[in-house]
N, C-alpha and C. Protein backbone atom coordinates (compact mmCIF):
# COMPACT_ATOMS: atom_id res chain seq x y z
N MET A 1 -43.26 -28.26 -13.90
CA MET A 1 -42.12 -27.85 -14.63
C MET A 1 -42.05 -25.94 -14.20
N LYS A 2 -41.15 -25.47 -14.11
CA LYS A 2 -41.27 -24.26 -13.52
C LYS A 2 -41.61 -22.87 -14.64
N SER A 3 -42.29 -22.06 -14.22
CA SER A 3 -42.91 -21.24 -15.31
C SER A 3 -42.00 -20.16 -15.84
N LYS A 4 -41.73 -19.42 -16.93
CA LYS A 4 -40.94 -18.19 -17.00
C LYS A 4 -40.63 -17.18 -16.18
N LYS A 5 -41.80 -16.86 -15.63
CA LYS A 5 -41.97 -15.75 -14.50
C LYS A 5 -41.25 -16.09 -13.22
N GLY A 6 -41.33 -17.19 -12.62
CA GLY A 6 -40.37 -17.68 -11.60
C GLY A 6 -39.12 -17.48 -11.86
N ARG A 7 -38.72 -18.16 -13.20
CA ARG A 7 -36.95 -18.17 -13.52
C ARG A 7 -36.81 -16.60 -13.45
N GLY A 8 -37.61 -15.77 -14.17
CA GLY A 8 -37.10 -14.37 -14.11
C GLY A 8 -36.95 -13.68 -12.85
N GLN A 9 -38.07 -14.14 -11.90
CA GLN A 9 -37.85 -13.49 -10.31
C GLN A 9 -36.47 -14.20 -9.48
N ALA A 10 -36.33 -15.30 -10.15
CA ALA A 10 -35.09 -15.73 -9.39
C ALA A 10 -33.90 -15.06 -9.82
N THR A 11 -34.02 -14.69 -10.89
CA THR A 11 -32.72 -13.83 -11.89
C THR A 11 -32.58 -12.39 -11.18
N VAL A 12 -33.90 -11.94 -11.15
CA VAL A 12 -33.86 -10.57 -10.17
C VAL A 12 -33.34 -10.59 -8.89
N GLU A 13 -33.68 -11.60 -8.37
CA GLU A 13 -33.34 -11.60 -6.61
C GLU A 13 -31.57 -11.81 -6.64
N TYR A 14 -31.06 -12.74 -7.54
CA TYR A 14 -29.73 -12.91 -7.76
C TYR A 14 -28.84 -11.85 -8.03
N ILE A 15 -29.55 -10.99 -8.92
CA ILE A 15 -28.89 -9.62 -9.12
C ILE A 15 -28.86 -8.64 -8.33
N PHE A 16 -29.80 -8.60 -7.11
CA PHE A 16 -30.20 -7.83 -6.12
C PHE A 16 -29.06 -8.28 -5.22
N ILE A 17 -28.89 -9.63 -4.81
CA ILE A 17 -27.78 -10.25 -4.19
C ILE A 17 -26.36 -9.84 -4.36
N LEU A 18 -26.13 -10.07 -5.68
CA LEU A 18 -24.79 -9.64 -6.00
C LEU A 18 -24.52 -8.04 -5.80
N ALA A 19 -25.54 -7.31 -6.42
CA ALA A 19 -25.48 -5.75 -6.09
C ALA A 19 -25.14 -5.30 -4.52
N PHE A 20 -26.00 -6.15 -3.61
CA PHE A 20 -25.86 -5.82 -2.46
C PHE A 20 -24.46 -6.00 -1.83
N ALA A 21 -23.96 -7.31 -2.46
CA ALA A 21 -22.31 -7.95 -1.93
C ALA A 21 -21.70 -6.98 -2.57
N ALA A 22 -21.75 -6.56 -3.47
CA ALA A 22 -20.57 -5.51 -4.38
C ALA A 22 -20.51 -4.13 -3.78
N PHE A 23 -21.63 -3.67 -3.20
CA PHE A 23 -21.71 -2.48 -2.59
C PHE A 23 -21.00 -2.68 -1.14
N ILE A 24 -21.42 -3.67 -0.18
CA ILE A 24 -20.60 -3.76 1.04
C ILE A 24 -19.26 -4.15 0.77
N GLY A 25 -18.53 -4.81 -0.65
CA GLY A 25 -17.53 -5.09 -0.62
C GLY A 25 -16.72 -3.83 -1.18
N ARG A 26 -17.27 -3.05 -2.00
CA ARG A 26 -16.61 -1.85 -1.96
C ARG A 26 -16.72 -0.58 -0.85
N ALA A 27 -17.74 -0.80 0.17
CA ALA A 27 -17.59 0.12 0.86
C ALA A 27 -16.32 -0.24 1.80
N ALA A 28 -16.13 -1.76 2.19
CA ALA A 28 -15.31 -2.58 3.09
C ALA A 28 -13.65 -2.16 2.47
N LEU A 29 -13.77 -2.10 1.10
CA LEU A 29 -12.40 -1.87 0.58
C LEU A 29 -12.02 -0.35 0.67
N LEU A 30 -12.85 0.61 0.64
CA LEU A 30 -12.58 1.87 0.63
C LEU A 30 -12.30 2.30 2.28
N GLN A 31 -13.06 1.85 3.03
CA GLN A 31 -12.38 1.91 4.61
C GLN A 31 -11.15 1.19 4.98
N PHE A 32 -10.78 -0.14 4.10
CA PHE A 32 -9.39 -0.80 4.07
C PHE A 32 -8.36 0.64 3.87
N ARG A 33 -8.71 1.04 2.66
CA ARG A 33 -8.00 1.99 1.75
C ARG A 33 -7.63 3.03 2.72
N LYS A 34 -8.59 3.48 3.28
CA LYS A 34 -8.31 4.71 4.28
C LYS A 34 -7.49 4.40 5.37
N PHE A 35 -7.66 3.33 6.28
CA PHE A 35 -6.81 2.93 7.32
C PHE A 35 -5.53 2.67 6.92
N PHE A 36 -5.20 1.96 5.47
CA PHE A 36 -3.97 1.81 5.12
C PHE A 36 -3.10 2.94 4.87
N GLN A 37 -3.69 3.85 4.25
CA GLN A 37 -3.03 4.97 3.92
C GLN A 37 -2.62 5.87 5.27
N THR A 38 -3.74 5.81 6.02
CA THR A 38 -3.65 6.72 7.32
C THR A 38 -2.24 6.09 8.23
N GLU A 39 -2.13 4.43 8.66
CA GLU A 39 -1.20 3.85 9.06
C GLU A 39 0.05 4.09 8.33
N MET A 40 0.04 3.93 6.81
CA MET A 40 1.48 3.69 6.31
C MET A 40 2.10 5.46 6.55
N GLY A 41 1.23 6.53 6.48
CA GLY A 41 1.41 7.92 6.66
C GLY A 41 2.14 7.99 8.02
N LYS A 42 1.60 7.28 8.87
CA LYS A 42 2.39 7.32 10.20
C LYS A 42 3.51 6.34 10.51
N VAL A 43 3.70 5.22 9.80
CA VAL A 43 5.07 4.95 9.54
C VAL A 43 5.93 5.56 8.73
N GLY A 44 5.45 5.90 7.78
CA GLY A 44 6.56 7.34 6.86
C GLY A 44 6.94 8.22 7.72
N HIS A 45 6.06 8.51 8.55
CA HIS A 45 6.50 9.80 9.51
C HIS A 45 7.63 9.72 10.38
N GLU A 46 7.33 8.40 10.95
CA GLU A 46 8.20 7.92 12.21
C GLU A 46 9.48 7.73 11.40
N LEU A 47 9.48 7.05 10.32
CA LEU A 47 11.04 6.59 9.55
C LEU A 47 11.51 7.83 9.12
N SER A 48 10.84 9.00 8.69
CA SER A 48 11.55 10.22 8.30
C SER A 48 12.02 11.34 9.30
N VAL A 49 10.83 11.51 10.34
CA VAL A 49 11.41 12.20 11.05
C VAL A 49 12.03 11.98 12.27
N HIS A 50 11.76 10.89 12.88
CA HIS A 50 12.16 10.37 14.52
C HIS A 50 13.36 9.22 13.83
N LEU A 51 13.93 8.85 12.68
CA LEU A 51 14.57 7.89 12.75
C LEU A 51 15.58 8.37 11.67
N THR A 52 16.20 9.36 11.70
CA THR A 52 16.92 10.24 10.42
C THR A 52 18.30 9.26 10.61
N VAL A 53 18.51 8.73 9.66
CA VAL A 53 19.74 8.12 9.65
C VAL A 53 21.50 9.14 9.87
N GLY A 54 21.83 9.22 11.05
CA GLY A 54 23.43 9.77 11.22
C GLY A 54 23.06 11.28 11.59
N VAL A 55 21.89 11.64 12.17
CA VAL A 55 21.69 12.75 12.89
C VAL A 55 21.40 12.55 14.15
N CYS A 56 21.91 13.00 15.11
CA CYS A 56 21.65 13.15 16.48
C CYS A 56 21.94 14.28 17.20
N PRO A 57 20.90 15.07 17.35
CA PRO A 57 20.95 16.25 17.83
C PRO A 57 21.16 16.19 19.48
N ARG A 58 20.17 15.28 20.15
CA ARG A 58 20.51 15.03 21.58
C ARG A 58 20.43 13.41 21.80
N ASN A 59 19.59 12.72 21.37
CA ASN A 59 19.71 11.50 21.63
C ASN A 59 19.72 10.67 20.51
N CYS A 60 20.60 9.46 20.33
CA CYS A 60 21.06 8.58 19.50
C CYS A 60 20.27 7.38 19.70
N PHE A 61 19.70 6.56 18.73
CA PHE A 61 19.11 5.75 18.86
C PHE A 61 20.38 4.18 18.85
N PHE A 62 21.55 4.80 17.89
CA PHE A 62 22.48 4.01 17.87
C PHE A 62 23.82 4.52 18.51
N ASP A 63 24.73 4.07 18.90
CA ASP A 63 26.09 4.65 19.39
C ASP A 63 26.94 4.75 18.31
N LYS A 64 27.06 3.99 17.24
CA LYS A 64 28.10 3.97 16.36
C LYS A 64 27.86 5.06 15.43
N TYR A 65 27.22 6.14 15.24
CA TYR A 65 26.80 6.88 14.39
C TYR A 65 28.22 8.06 14.83
N LYS A 66 28.69 8.97 13.68
CA LYS A 66 29.77 9.92 14.26
C LYS A 66 29.49 10.58 15.15
N ASN A 67 28.25 11.33 15.13
CA ASN A 67 27.97 12.53 16.11
C ASN A 67 27.10 12.06 17.06
N GLY A 68 27.15 10.44 17.36
CA GLY A 68 26.49 9.75 18.41
C GLY A 68 27.34 10.26 19.66
N PHE A 69 26.36 10.25 21.02
CA PHE A 69 27.01 10.34 22.08
C PHE A 69 27.35 8.72 22.46
N GLN A 70 28.64 9.12 23.23
CA GLN A 70 29.64 8.01 23.88
C GLN A 70 28.88 7.70 25.23
């Protein structure tokens, strides 16, 4: 039969394992959030600056705009 001290030690070990997993999970989540914000910022920049709809000062991506080059 297990003693109470042995069960307490197992509980403490499980708490340390869960705390370590939570720490690693939080760090991974923060890195993913940073990466995602950076990449979505790049996509937003491309869409708003380089692919502005209907404005073609020099080179148009699509010919059918009013001010596009024929």
